[in-house]
All heavy atoms as atom14 arrays in JSON, in Angstrom:
{
  "sequence": "PDGTTYETACKYIDEKKKSEEYIMKTYQKWLIFRPYYLCGEFDYSNRF",
  "atom14_mask": [
    [1, 1, 1, 1, 1, 1, 1, 0, 0, 0, 0, 0, 0, 0],
    [1, 1, 1, 1, 1, 1, 1, 1, 0, 0, 0, 0, 0, 0],
    [1, 1, 1, 1, 0, 0, 0, 0, 0, 0, 0, 0, 0, 0],
    [1, 1, 1, 1, 1, 1, 1, 0, 0, 0, 0, 0, 0, 0],
    [1, 1, 1, 1, 1, 1, 1, 0, 0, 0, 0, 0, 0, 0],
    [1, 1, 1, 1, 1, 1, 1, 1, 1, 1, 1, 1, 0, 0],
    [1, 1, 1, 1, 1, 1, 1, 1, 1, 0, 0, 0, 0, 0],
    [1, 1, 1, 1, 1, 1, 1, 0, 0, 0, 0, 0, 0, 0],
    [1, 1, 1, 1, 1, 0, 0, 0, 0, 0, 0, 0, 0, 0],
    [1, 1, 1, 1, 1, 1, 0, 0, 0, 0, 0, 0, 0, 0],
    [1, 1, 1, 1, 1, 1, 1, 1, 1, 0, 0, 0, 0, 0],
    [1, 1, 1, 1, 1, 1, 1, 1, 1, 1, 1, 1, 0, 0],
    [1, 1, 1, 1, 1, 1, 1, 1, 0, 0, 0, 0, 0, 0],
    [1, 1, 1, 1, 1, 1, 1, 1, 0, 0, 0, 0, 0, 0],
    [1, 1, 1, 1, 1, 1, 1, 1, 1, 0, 0, 0, 0, 0],
    [1, 1, 1, 1, 1, 1, 1, 1, 1, 0, 0, 0, 0, 0],
    [1, 1, 1, 1, 1, 1, 1, 1, 1, 0, 0, 0, 0, 0],
    [1, 1, 1, 1, 1, 1, 1, 1, 1, 0, 0, 0, 0, 0],
    [1, 1, 1, 1, 1, 1, 0, 0, 0, 0, 0, 0, 0, 0],
    [1, 1, 1, 1, 1, 1, 1, 1, 1, 0, 0, 0, 0, 0],
    [1, 1, 1, 1, 1, 1, 1, 1, 1, 0, 0, 0, 0, 0],
    [1, 1, 1, 1, 1, 1, 1, 1, 1, 1, 1, 1, 0, 0],
    [1, 1, 1, 1, 1, 1, 1, 1, 0, 0, 0, 0, 0, 0],
    [1, 1, 1, 1, 1, 1, 1, 1, 0, 0, 0, 0, 0, 0],
    [1, 1, 1, 1, 1, 1, 1, 1, 1, 0, 0, 0, 0, 0],
    [1, 1, 1, 1, 1, 1, 1, 0, 0, 0, 0, 0, 0, 0],
    [1, 1, 1, 1, 1, 1, 1, 1, 1, 1, 1, 1, 0, 0],
    [1, 1, 1, 1, 1, 1, 1, 1, 1, 0, 0, 0, 0, 0],
    [1, 1, 1, 1, 1, 1, 1, 1, 1, 0, 0, 0, 0, 0],
    [1, 1, 1, 1, 1, 1, 1, 1, 1, 1, 1, 1, 1, 1],
    [1, 1, 1, 1, 1, 1, 1, 1, 0, 0, 0, 0, 0, 0],
    [1, 1, 1, 1, 1, 1, 1, 1, 0, 0, 0, 0, 0, 0],
    [1, 1, 1, 1, 1, 1, 1, 1, 1, 1, 1, 0, 0, 0],
    [1, 1, 1, 1, 1, 1, 1, 1, 1, 1, 1, 0, 0, 0],
    [1, 1, 1, 1, 1, 1, 1, 0, 0, 0, 0, 0, 0, 0],
    [1, 1, 1, 1, 1, 1, 1, 1, 1, 1, 1, 1, 0, 0],
    [1, 1, 1, 1, 1, 1, 1, 1, 1, 1, 1, 1, 0, 0],
    [1, 1, 1, 1, 1, 1, 1, 1, 0, 0, 0, 0, 0, 0],
    [1, 1, 1, 1, 1, 1, 0, 0, 0, 0, 0, 0, 0, 0],
    [1, 1, 1, 1, 0, 0, 0, 0, 0, 0, 0, 0, 0, 0],
    [1, 1, 1, 1, 1, 1, 1, 1, 1, 0, 0, 0, 0, 0],
    [1, 1, 1, 1, 1, 1, 1, 1, 1, 1, 1, 0, 0, 0],
    [1, 1, 1, 1, 1, 1, 1, 1, 0, 0, 0, 0, 0, 0],
    [1, 1, 1, 1, 1, 1, 1, 1, 1, 1, 1, 1, 0, 0],
    [1, 1, 1, 1, 1, 1, 0, 0, 0, 0, 0, 0, 0, 0],
    [1, 1, 1, 1, 1, 1, 1, 1, 0, 0, 0, 0, 0, 0],
    [1, 1, 1, 1, 1, 1, 1, 1, 1, 1, 1, 0, 0, 0],
    [1, 1, 1, 1, 1, 1, 1, 1, 1, 1, 1, 0, 0, 0]
  ],
  "atom14_positions": [
    [[4.04, 19.97, 17.16], [4.49, 21.22, 17.8], [3.38, 22.3, 18.01], [3.59, 23.25, 18.71], [5.55, 21.77, 16.76], [5.23, 21.1, 15.47], [4.72, 19.75, 15.87], [0.0, 0.0, 0.0], [0.0, 0.0, 0.0], [0.0, 0.0, 0.0], [0.0, 0.0, 0.0], [0.0, 0.0, 0.0], [0.0, 0.0, 0.0], [0.0, 0.0, 0.0]],
    [[2.2, 22.04, 17.53], [1.12, 22.94, 17.8], [0.37, 22.61, 19.07], [-0.57, 23.27, 19.43], [0.09, 23.01, 16.62], [-0.6, 21.67, 16.39], [-0.14, 20.67, 16.98], [-1.59, 21.63, 15.64], [0.0, 0.0, 0.0], [0.0, 0.0, 0.0], [0.0, 0.0, 0.0], [0.0, 0.0, 0.0], [0.0, 0.0, 0.0], [0.0, 0.0, 0.0]],
    [[0.85, 21.56, 19.78], [0.25, 21.18, 21.02], [-0.74, 20.04, 20.9], [-1.38, 19.66, 21.88], [0.0, 0.0, 0.0], [0.0, 0.0, 0.0], [0.0, 0.0, 0.0], [0.0, 0.0, 0.0], [0.0, 0.0, 0.0], [0.0, 0.0, 0.0], [0.0, 0.0, 0.0], [0.0, 0.0, 0.0], [0.0, 0.0, 0.0], [0.0, 0.0, 0.0]],
    [[-0.91, 19.53, 19.71], [-1.88, 18.43, 19.49], [-1.37, 17.16, 20.22], [-0.19, 16.79, 20.18], [-1.97, 18.08, 18.0], [-2.45, 19.25, 17.33], [-2.95, 16.95, 17.73], [0.0, 0.0, 0.0], [0.0, 0.0, 0.0], [0.0, 0.0, 0.0], [0.0, 0.0, 0.0], [0.0, 0.0, 0.0], [0.0, 0.0, 0.0], [0.0, 0.0, 0.0]],
    [[-2.33, 16.48, 20.92], [-2.0, 15.24, 21.64], [-2.02, 14.05, 20.67], [-2.6, 14.1, 19.58], [-3.01, 15.03, 22.78], [-4.28, 14.75, 22.22], [-3.02, 16.2, 23.71], [0.0, 0.0, 0.0], [0.0, 0.0, 0.0], [0.0, 0.0, 0.0], [0.0, 0.0, 0.0], [0.0, 0.0, 0.0], [0.0, 0.0, 0.0], [0.0, 0.0, 0.0]],
    [[-1.43, 12.98, 21.14], [-1.46, 11.73, 20.36], [-2.92, 11.27, 20.12], [-3.28, 10.84, 19.0], [-0.73, 10.63, 21.09], [0.75, 10.46, 20.79], [1.69, 11.04, 21.58], [1.14, 9.78, 19.64], [3.06, 10.97, 21.27], [2.49, 9.66, 19.34], [3.44, 10.28, 20.12], [4.77, 10.15, 19.81], [0.0, 0.0, 0.0], [0.0, 0.0, 0.0]],
    [[-3.76, 11.41, 21.13], [-5.14, 11.0, 20.96], [-5.82, 11.7, 19.85], [-6.46, 11.06, 18.98], [-5.87, 11.28, 22.28], [-7.36, 10.82, 22.24], [-8.11, 11.11, 23.54], [-7.79, 12.17, 24.19], [-9.0, 10.39, 23.88], [0.0, 0.0, 0.0], [0.0, 0.0, 0.0], [0.0, 0.0, 0.0], [0.0, 0.0, 0.0], [0.0, 0.0, 0.0]],
    [[-5.69, 13.02, 19.75], [-6.29, 13.81, 18.68], [-5.64, 13.52, 17.38], [-6.33, 13.33, 16.29], [-6.23, 15.28, 19.01], [-6.9, 15.56, 20.22], [-6.89, 16.11, 17.91], [0.0, 0.0, 0.0], [0.0, 0.0, 0.0], [0.0, 0.0, 0.0], [0.0, 0.0, 0.0], [0.0, 0.0, 0.0], [0.0, 0.0, 0.0], [0.0, 0.0, 0.0]],
    [[-4.31, 13.47, 17.35], [-3.56, 13.3, 16.14], [-3.83, 11.95, 15.5], [-4.06, 11.81, 14.3], [-2.09, 13.46, 16.37], [0.0, 0.0, 0.0], [0.0, 0.0, 0.0], [0.0, 0.0, 0.0], [0.0, 0.0, 0.0], [0.0, 0.0, 0.0], [0.0, 0.0, 0.0], [0.0, 0.0, 0.0], [0.0, 0.0, 0.0], [0.0, 0.0, 0.0]],
    [[-3.85, 10.93, 16.33], [-4.01, 9.57, 15.83], [-5.43, 9.36, 15.25], [-5.59, 8.66, 14.24], [-3.71, 8.51, 16.88], [-2.01, 8.48, 17.35], [0.0, 0.0, 0.0], [0.0, 0.0, 0.0], [0.0, 0.0, 0.0], [0.0, 0.0, 0.0], [0.0, 0.0, 0.0], [0.0, 0.0, 0.0], [0.0, 0.0, 0.0], [0.0, 0.0, 0.0]],
    [[-6.43, 9.98, 15.86], [-7.8, 9.87, 15.32], [-7.86, 10.55, 13.98], [-8.49, 9.96, 13.05], [-8.76, 10.53, 16.34], [-10.23, 10.45, 15.81], [-11.18, 11.13, 16.83], [-12.6, 10.99, 16.32], [-13.58, 11.64, 17.25], [0.0, 0.0, 0.0], [0.0, 0.0, 0.0], [0.0, 0.0, 0.0], [0.0, 0.0, 0.0], [0.0, 0.0, 0.0]],
    [[-7.28, 11.72, 13.9], [-7.31, 12.5, 12.62], [-6.59, 11.69, 11.51], [-7.13, 11.54, 10.38], [-6.63, 13.88, 12.85], [-6.6, 14.69, 11.61], [-7.75, 15.4, 11.16], [-5.47, 14.91, 10.9], [-7.7, 16.22, 10.06], [-5.38, 15.73, 9.78], [-6.52, 16.39, 9.4], [-6.48, 17.21, 8.28], [0.0, 0.0, 0.0], [0.0, 0.0, 0.0]],
    [[-5.39, 11.22, 11.83], [-4.58, 10.46, 10.84], [-5.34, 9.21, 10.39], [-5.4, 8.86, 9.22], [-3.21, 10.12, 11.41], [-2.42, 11.38, 11.63], [-2.49, 9.13, 10.53], [-1.12, 11.18, 12.42], [0.0, 0.0, 0.0], [0.0, 0.0, 0.0], [0.0, 0.0, 0.0], [0.0, 0.0, 0.0], [0.0, 0.0, 0.0], [0.0, 0.0, 0.0]],
    [[-5.91, 8.49, 11.36], [-6.62, 7.23, 11.04], [-7.8, 7.46, 10.12], [-8.03, 6.69, 9.19], [-7.04, 6.58, 12.35], [-7.61, 5.19, 12.09], [-6.92, 4.35, 11.5], [-8.75, 4.92, 12.53], [0.0, 0.0, 0.0], [0.0, 0.0, 0.0], [0.0, 0.0, 0.0], [0.0, 0.0, 0.0], [0.0, 0.0, 0.0], [0.0, 0.0, 0.0]],
    [[-8.57, 8.53, 10.38], [-9.73, 8.84, 9.52], [-9.3, 9.17, 8.12], [-9.91, 8.69, 7.13], [-10.51, 10.03, 10.14], [-11.29, 9.65, 11.41], [-12.37, 8.65, 11.17], [-13.26, 8.86, 10.34], [-12.3, 7.55, 11.82], [0.0, 0.0, 0.0], [0.0, 0.0, 0.0], [0.0, 0.0, 0.0], [0.0, 0.0, 0.0], [0.0, 0.0, 0.0]],
    [[-8.23, 9.98, 7.99], [-7.77, 10.35, 6.65], [-7.19, 9.15, 5.91], [-7.4, 8.95, 4.71], [-6.7, 11.44, 6.79], [-7.23, 12.81, 7.16], [-8.07, 13.45, 6.02], [-8.39, 14.89, 6.31], [-9.22, 15.51, 5.21], [0.0, 0.0, 0.0], [0.0, 0.0, 0.0], [0.0, 0.0, 0.0], [0.0, 0.0, 0.0], [0.0, 0.0, 0.0]],
    [[-6.5, 8.27, 6.65], [-5.92, 7.07, 6.05], [-7.03, 6.12, 5.53], [-6.94, 5.6, 4.41], [-5.04, 6.35, 7.05], [-4.34, 5.1, 6.49], [-3.47, 4.45, 7.51], [-2.76, 3.25, 6.97], [-1.9, 2.61, 7.99], [0.0, 0.0, 0.0], [0.0, 0.0, 0.0], [0.0, 0.0, 0.0], [0.0, 0.0, 0.0], [0.0, 0.0, 0.0]],
    [[-8.02, 5.91, 6.34], [-9.15, 5.06, 5.91], [-9.83, 5.61, 4.64], [-10.21, 4.87, 3.76], [-10.18, 4.93, 7.03], [-9.73, 4.08, 8.15], [-10.83, 4.08, 9.27], [-10.42, 3.23, 10.48], [-11.38, 3.29, 11.59], [0.0, 0.0, 0.0], [0.0, 0.0, 0.0], [0.0, 0.0, 0.0], [0.0, 0.0, 0.0], [0.0, 0.0, 0.0]],
    [[-9.99, 6.95, 4.62], [-10.6, 7.62, 3.44], [-9.77, 7.35, 2.21], [-10.23, 6.99, 1.13], [-10.81, 9.05, 3.72], [-11.72, 9.33, 4.73], [0.0, 0.0, 0.0], [0.0, 0.0, 0.0], [0.0, 0.0, 0.0], [0.0, 0.0, 0.0], [0.0, 0.0, 0.0], [0.0, 0.0, 0.0], [0.0, 0.0, 0.0], [0.0, 0.0, 0.0]],
    [[-8.44, 7.62, 2.37], [-7.52, 7.41, 1.21], [-7.6, 5.96, 0.71], [-7.73, 5.76, -0.51], [-6.07, 7.66, 1.65], [-5.73, 9.13, 1.83], [-4.24, 9.32, 1.98], [-3.52, 8.33, 1.96], [-3.83, 10.49, 2.15], [0.0, 0.0, 0.0], [0.0, 0.0, 0.0], [0.0, 0.0, 0.0], [0.0, 0.0, 0.0], [0.0, 0.0, 0.0]],
    [[-7.57, 5.04, 1.61], [-7.58, 3.62, 1.19], [-8.82, 3.22, 0.45], [-8.8, 2.52, -0.55], [-7.36, 2.73, 2.42], [-5.97, 2.82, 3.01], [-5.84, 2.09, 4.32], [-6.9, 1.74, 4.94], [-4.69, 1.86, 4.78], [0.0, 0.0, 0.0], [0.0, 0.0, 0.0], [0.0, 0.0, 0.0], [0.0, 0.0, 0.0], [0.0, 0.0, 0.0]],
    [[-9.98, 3.75, 0.89], [-11.21, 3.42, 0.24], [-11.33, 4.04, -1.1], [-11.8, 3.42, -2.06], [-12.43, 3.84, 1.13], [-13.69, 3.19, 0.68], [-13.95, 1.85, 0.99], [-14.65, 3.9, -0.09], [-15.16, 1.26, 0.54], [-15.8, 3.28, -0.53], [-16.06, 1.98, -0.2], [-17.22, 1.38, -0.63], [0.0, 0.0, 0.0], [0.0, 0.0, 0.0]],
    [[-10.9, 5.29, -1.22], [-10.91, 5.98, -2.52], [-10.07, 5.23, -3.51], [-10.43, 4.96, -4.62], [-10.48, 7.43, -2.39], [-11.5, 8.24, -1.61], [-10.19, 8.07, -3.73], [-10.94, 9.57, -1.13], [0.0, 0.0, 0.0], [0.0, 0.0, 0.0], [0.0, 0.0, 0.0], [0.0, 0.0, 0.0], [0.0, 0.0, 0.0], [0.0, 0.0, 0.0]],
    [[-8.84, 4.85, -3.11], [-7.92, 4.11, -4.0], [-8.43, 2.73, -4.38], [-8.18, 2.29, -5.51], [-6.54, 4.05, -3.34], [-5.8, 5.39, -3.24], [-4.09, 5.22, -2.63], [-4.4, 4.73, -0.9], [0.0, 0.0, 0.0], [0.0, 0.0, 0.0], [0.0, 0.0, 0.0], [0.0, 0.0, 0.0], [0.0, 0.0, 0.0], [0.0, 0.0, 0.0]],
    [[-9.11, 2.12, -3.47], [-9.66, 0.78, -3.73], [-10.83, 0.85, -4.66], [-11.09, -0.05, -5.47], [-10.09, 0.13, -2.42], [-10.71, -1.27, -2.57], [-11.08, -1.83, -1.21], [-12.32, -1.18, -0.68], [-12.85, -1.81, 0.55], [0.0, 0.0, 0.0], [0.0, 0.0, 0.0], [0.0, 0.0, 0.0], [0.0, 0.0, 0.0], [0.0, 0.0, 0.0]],
    [[-11.58, 1.9, -4.59], [-12.89, 2.0, -5.31], [-12.76, 2.69, -6.68], [-13.37, 2.34, -7.68], [-13.94, 2.72, -4.43], [-13.94, 2.16, -3.11], [-15.29, 2.63, -5.04], [0.0, 0.0, 0.0], [0.0, 0.0, 0.0], [0.0, 0.0, 0.0], [0.0, 0.0, 0.0], [0.0, 0.0, 0.0], [0.0, 0.0, 0.0], [0.0, 0.0, 0.0]],
    [[-12.0, 3.8, -6.74], [-11.87, 4.61, -7.92], [-10.64, 4.26, -8.75], [-9.59, 4.04, -8.2], [-11.78, 6.08, -7.55], [-13.09, 6.82, -7.62], [-14.01, 6.79, -6.6], [-13.46, 7.57, -8.76], [-15.24, 7.5, -6.64], [-14.64, 8.23, -8.85], [-15.54, 8.21, -7.82], [-16.76, 8.86, -7.92], [0.0, 0.0, 0.0], [0.0, 0.0, 0.0]],
    [[-10.85, 4.19, -10.01], [-9.67, 3.98, -10.95], [-8.85, 5.31, -11.07], [-7.6, 5.24, -11.17], [-10.15, 3.46, -12.3], [-10.67, 2.09, -12.33], [-10.98, 1.64, -13.73], [-11.13, 2.42, -14.66], [-11.11, 0.33, -13.91], [0.0, 0.0, 0.0], [0.0, 0.0, 0.0], [0.0, 0.0, 0.0], [0.0, 0.0, 0.0], [0.0, 0.0, 0.0]],
    [[-9.58, 6.4, -11.08], [-8.88, 7.72, -11.25], [-9.08, 8.54, -9.98], [-10.24, 8.86, -9.65], [-9.44, 8.49, -12.46], [-9.17, 7.8, -13.79], [-9.75, 8.56, -14.97], [-9.46, 7.92, -16.27], [-10.0, 8.73, -17.42], [0.0, 0.0, 0.0], [0.0, 0.0, 0.0], [0.0, 0.0, 0.0], [0.0, 0.0, 0.0], [0.0, 0.0, 0.0]],
    [[-7.99, 8.78, -9.26], [-8.08, 9.55, -8.07], [-6.86, 10.46, -7.96], [-5.78, 10.23, -8.52], [-8.17, 8.65, -6.82], [-7.13, 7.56, -6.76], [-7.28, 6.27, -7.25], [-5.8, 7.7, -6.27], [-6.12, 5.55, -7.04], [-5.19, 6.38, -6.45], [-5.02, 8.69, -5.7], [-3.88, 6.11, -6.05], [-3.71, 8.44, -5.32], [-3.19, 7.14, -5.48]],
    [[-7.07, 11.56, -7.19], [-6.04, 12.55, -6.95], [-6.1, 12.9, -5.5], [-7.1, 13.36, -4.95], [-6.31, 13.77, -7.84], [-5.32, 14.93, -7.82], [-3.93, 14.45, -8.26], [-5.8, 16.03, -8.73], [0.0, 0.0, 0.0], [0.0, 0.0, 0.0], [0.0, 0.0, 0.0], [0.0, 0.0, 0.0], [0.0, 0.0, 0.0], [0.0, 0.0, 0.0]],
    [[-4.96, 12.62, -4.76], [-4.95, 12.83, -3.33], [-3.82, 13.82, -2.94], [-2.66, 13.57, -3.35], [-4.77, 11.52, -2.54], [-5.99, 10.61, -2.76], [-4.55, 11.79, -1.08], [-5.88, 9.24, -2.11], [0.0, 0.0, 0.0], [0.0, 0.0, 0.0], [0.0, 0.0, 0.0], [0.0, 0.0, 0.0], [0.0, 0.0, 0.0], [0.0, 0.0, 0.0]],
    [[-4.17, 14.86, -2.24], [-3.19, 15.87, -1.8], [-2.92, 15.66, -0.31], [-3.86, 15.47, 0.44], [-3.72, 17.3, -2.06], [-3.81, 17.61, -3.53], [-4.97, 17.34, -4.25], [-2.75, 18.27, -4.15], [-5.05, 17.66, -5.58], [-2.82, 18.56, -5.52], [-3.95, 18.3, -6.21], [0.0, 0.0, 0.0], [0.0, 0.0, 0.0], [0.0, 0.0, 0.0]],
    [[-1.65, 15.77, 0.06], [-1.28, 15.66, 1.45], [-0.51, 16.92, 1.92], [0.66, 16.9, 2.15], [-0.36, 14.43, 1.61], [-1.08, 13.11, 1.55], [-0.12, 12.0, 1.78], [-0.79, 10.66, 1.92], [-0.12, 9.53, 2.16], [1.17, 9.53, 2.22], [-0.83, 8.39, 2.31], [0.0, 0.0, 0.0], [0.0, 0.0, 0.0], [0.0, 0.0, 0.0]],
    [[-1.23, 17.98, 2.09], [-0.6, 19.21, 2.63], [-0.29, 19.1, 4.09], [-0.91, 18.36, 4.81], [-1.66, 20.28, 2.35], [-2.95, 19.53, 2.51], [-2.7, 18.16, 1.91], [0.0, 0.0, 0.0], [0.0, 0.0, 0.0], [0.0, 0.0, 0.0], [0.0, 0.0, 0.0], [0.0, 0.0, 0.0], [0.0, 0.0, 0.0], [0.0, 0.0, 0.0]],
    [[0.71, 19.88, 4.45], [1.0, 19.95, 5.93], [0.17, 21.09, 6.49], [-1.0, 21.15, 6.3], [2.51, 20.18, 6.1], [3.31, 18.89, 5.95], [3.81, 18.56, 4.66], [3.49, 18.02, 6.99], [4.51, 17.37, 4.5], [4.22, 16.82, 6.86], [4.76, 16.52, 5.6], [5.42, 15.33, 5.43], [0.0, 0.0, 0.0], [0.0, 0.0, 0.0]],
    [[0.75, 22.05, 7.15], [-0.02, 23.13, 7.76], [-0.33, 24.18, 6.67], [0.53, 24.66, 5.96], [0.81, 23.81, 8.87], [1.01, 22.89, 10.05], [2.3, 22.31, 10.26], [0.03, 22.61, 10.97], [2.5, 21.5, 11.36], [0.21, 21.79, 12.05], [1.49, 21.22, 12.2], [1.65, 20.39, 13.32], [0.0, 0.0, 0.0], [0.0, 0.0, 0.0]],
    [[-1.58, 24.52, 6.59], [-2.11, 25.53, 5.63], [-2.44, 26.8, 6.43], [-3.06, 26.74, 7.46], [-3.25, 25.03, 4.84], [-2.99, 23.83, 3.94], [-4.28, 23.32, 3.35], [-2.02, 24.22, 2.83], [0.0, 0.0, 0.0], [0.0, 0.0, 0.0], [0.0, 0.0, 0.0], [0.0, 0.0, 0.0], [0.0, 0.0, 0.0], [0.0, 0.0, 0.0]],
    [[-1.95, 27.9, 5.92], [-2.24, 29.2, 6.63], [-2.68, 30.22, 5.62], [-2.55, 30.05, 4.4], [-0.97, 29.67, 7.34], [0.35, 30.09, 6.25], [0.0, 0.0, 0.0], [0.0, 0.0, 0.0], [0.0, 0.0, 0.0], [0.0, 0.0, 0.0], [0.0, 0.0, 0.0], [0.0, 0.0, 0.0], [0.0, 0.0, 0.0], [0.0, 0.0, 0.0]],
    [[-3.21, 31.32, 6.12], [-3.59, 32.39, 5.23], [-4.96, 32.98, 5.52], [-5.56, 32.74, 6.6], [0.0, 0.0, 0.0], [0.0, 0.0, 0.0], [0.0, 0.0, 0.0], [0.0, 0.0, 0.0], [0.0, 0.0, 0.0], [0.0, 0.0, 0.0], [0.0, 0.0, 0.0], [0.0, 0.0, 0.0], [0.0, 0.0, 0.0], [0.0, 0.0, 0.0]],
    [[-5.52, 33.67, 4.54], [-6.76, 34.4, 4.68], [-7.92, 33.39, 4.97], [-8.0, 32.35, 4.35], [-7.04, 35.17, 3.37], [-8.23, 36.15, 3.49], [-8.43, 36.93, 2.23], [-7.87, 36.54, 1.17], [-9.12, 37.97, 2.31], [0.0, 0.0, 0.0], [0.0, 0.0, 0.0], [0.0, 0.0, 0.0], [0.0, 0.0, 0.0], [0.0, 0.0, 0.0]],
    [[-8.8, 33.82, 5.87], [-9.98, 33.08, 6.24], [-9.65, 31.8, 7.07], [-10.57, 30.95, 7.21], [-10.87, 32.72, 5.06], [-11.27, 33.94, 4.24], [-10.86, 33.99, 2.87], [-12.0, 34.91, 4.77], [-11.2, 35.08, 2.11], [-12.34, 36.04, 3.99], [-11.96, 36.1, 2.66], [0.0, 0.0, 0.0], [0.0, 0.0, 0.0], [0.0, 0.0, 0.0]],
    [[-8.48, 31.72, 7.63], [-8.2, 30.6, 8.48], [-8.88, 30.85, 9.84], [-8.55, 31.78, 10.53], [-6.64, 30.49, 8.69], [-6.25, 29.39, 9.68], [-7.14, 28.52, 10.0], [-5.09, 29.37, 10.09], [0.0, 0.0, 0.0], [0.0, 0.0, 0.0], [0.0, 0.0, 0.0], [0.0, 0.0, 0.0], [0.0, 0.0, 0.0], [0.0, 0.0, 0.0]],
    [[-9.83, 29.98, 10.15], [-10.6, 30.13, 11.35], [-10.02, 29.45, 12.6], [-10.57, 29.53, 13.69], [-12.06, 29.62, 11.17], [-12.11, 28.2, 10.65], [-12.06, 27.13, 11.55], [-12.23, 27.93, 9.33], [-12.07, 25.81, 11.08], [-12.25, 26.62, 8.86], [-12.2, 25.59, 9.74], [-12.21, 24.3, 9.32], [0.0, 0.0, 0.0], [0.0, 0.0, 0.0]],
    [[-8.91, 28.69, 12.41], [-8.32, 27.97, 13.49], [-7.64, 28.85, 14.58], [-7.56, 28.46, 15.71], [-7.26, 26.98, 13.01], [-6.06, 27.64, 12.53], [0.0, 0.0, 0.0], [0.0, 0.0, 0.0], [0.0, 0.0, 0.0], [0.0, 0.0, 0.0], [0.0, 0.0, 0.0], [0.0, 0.0, 0.0], [0.0, 0.0, 0.0], [0.0, 0.0, 0.0]],
    [[-7.2, 30.02, 14.16], [-6.57, 30.99, 15.08], [-5.39, 30.36, 15.79], [-5.1, 30.69, 16.98], [-7.58, 31.5, 16.09], [-7.09, 32.78, 16.81], [-6.42, 33.6, 16.21], [-7.46, 32.91, 18.1], [0.0, 0.0, 0.0], [0.0, 0.0, 0.0], [0.0, 0.0, 0.0], [0.0, 0.0, 0.0], [0.0, 0.0, 0.0], [0.0, 0.0, 0.0]],
    [[-4.66, 29.47, 15.17], [-3.53, 28.81, 15.84], [-2.19, 29.34, 15.45], [-1.2, 29.0, 16.08], [-3.58, 27.3, 15.58], [-3.48, 26.93, 14.13], [-3.5, 25.45, 13.9], [-3.63, 25.04, 12.51], [-3.52, 23.81, 12.09], [-3.26, 22.81, 12.97], [-3.65, 23.51, 10.82], [0.0, 0.0, 0.0], [0.0, 0.0, 0.0], [0.0, 0.0, 0.0]],
    [[-2.15, 30.24, 14.48], [-0.88, 30.73, 14.03], [-0.64, 32.21, 14.45], [-1.57, 33.02, 14.47], [-0.74, 30.69, 12.49], [-0.85, 29.29, 11.93], [-1.84, 28.98, 11.02], [0.0, 28.33, 12.31], [-1.94, 27.7, 10.49], [-0.07, 27.03, 11.82], [-1.08, 26.75, 10.91], [0.0, 0.0, 0.0], [0.0, 0.0, 0.0], [0.0, 0.0, 0.0]]
  ]
}
């Protein structure tokens, strides 16, 4: 809904997914956060 295209979204998702998978495969102890939209002070995206 922010206007992101499939091309941009799929690249972003794929990169994050590959990172998650490698961390989980390599590290015994890991902590992964999956936030949605983050907003507030010092947000430089100017999208909200």
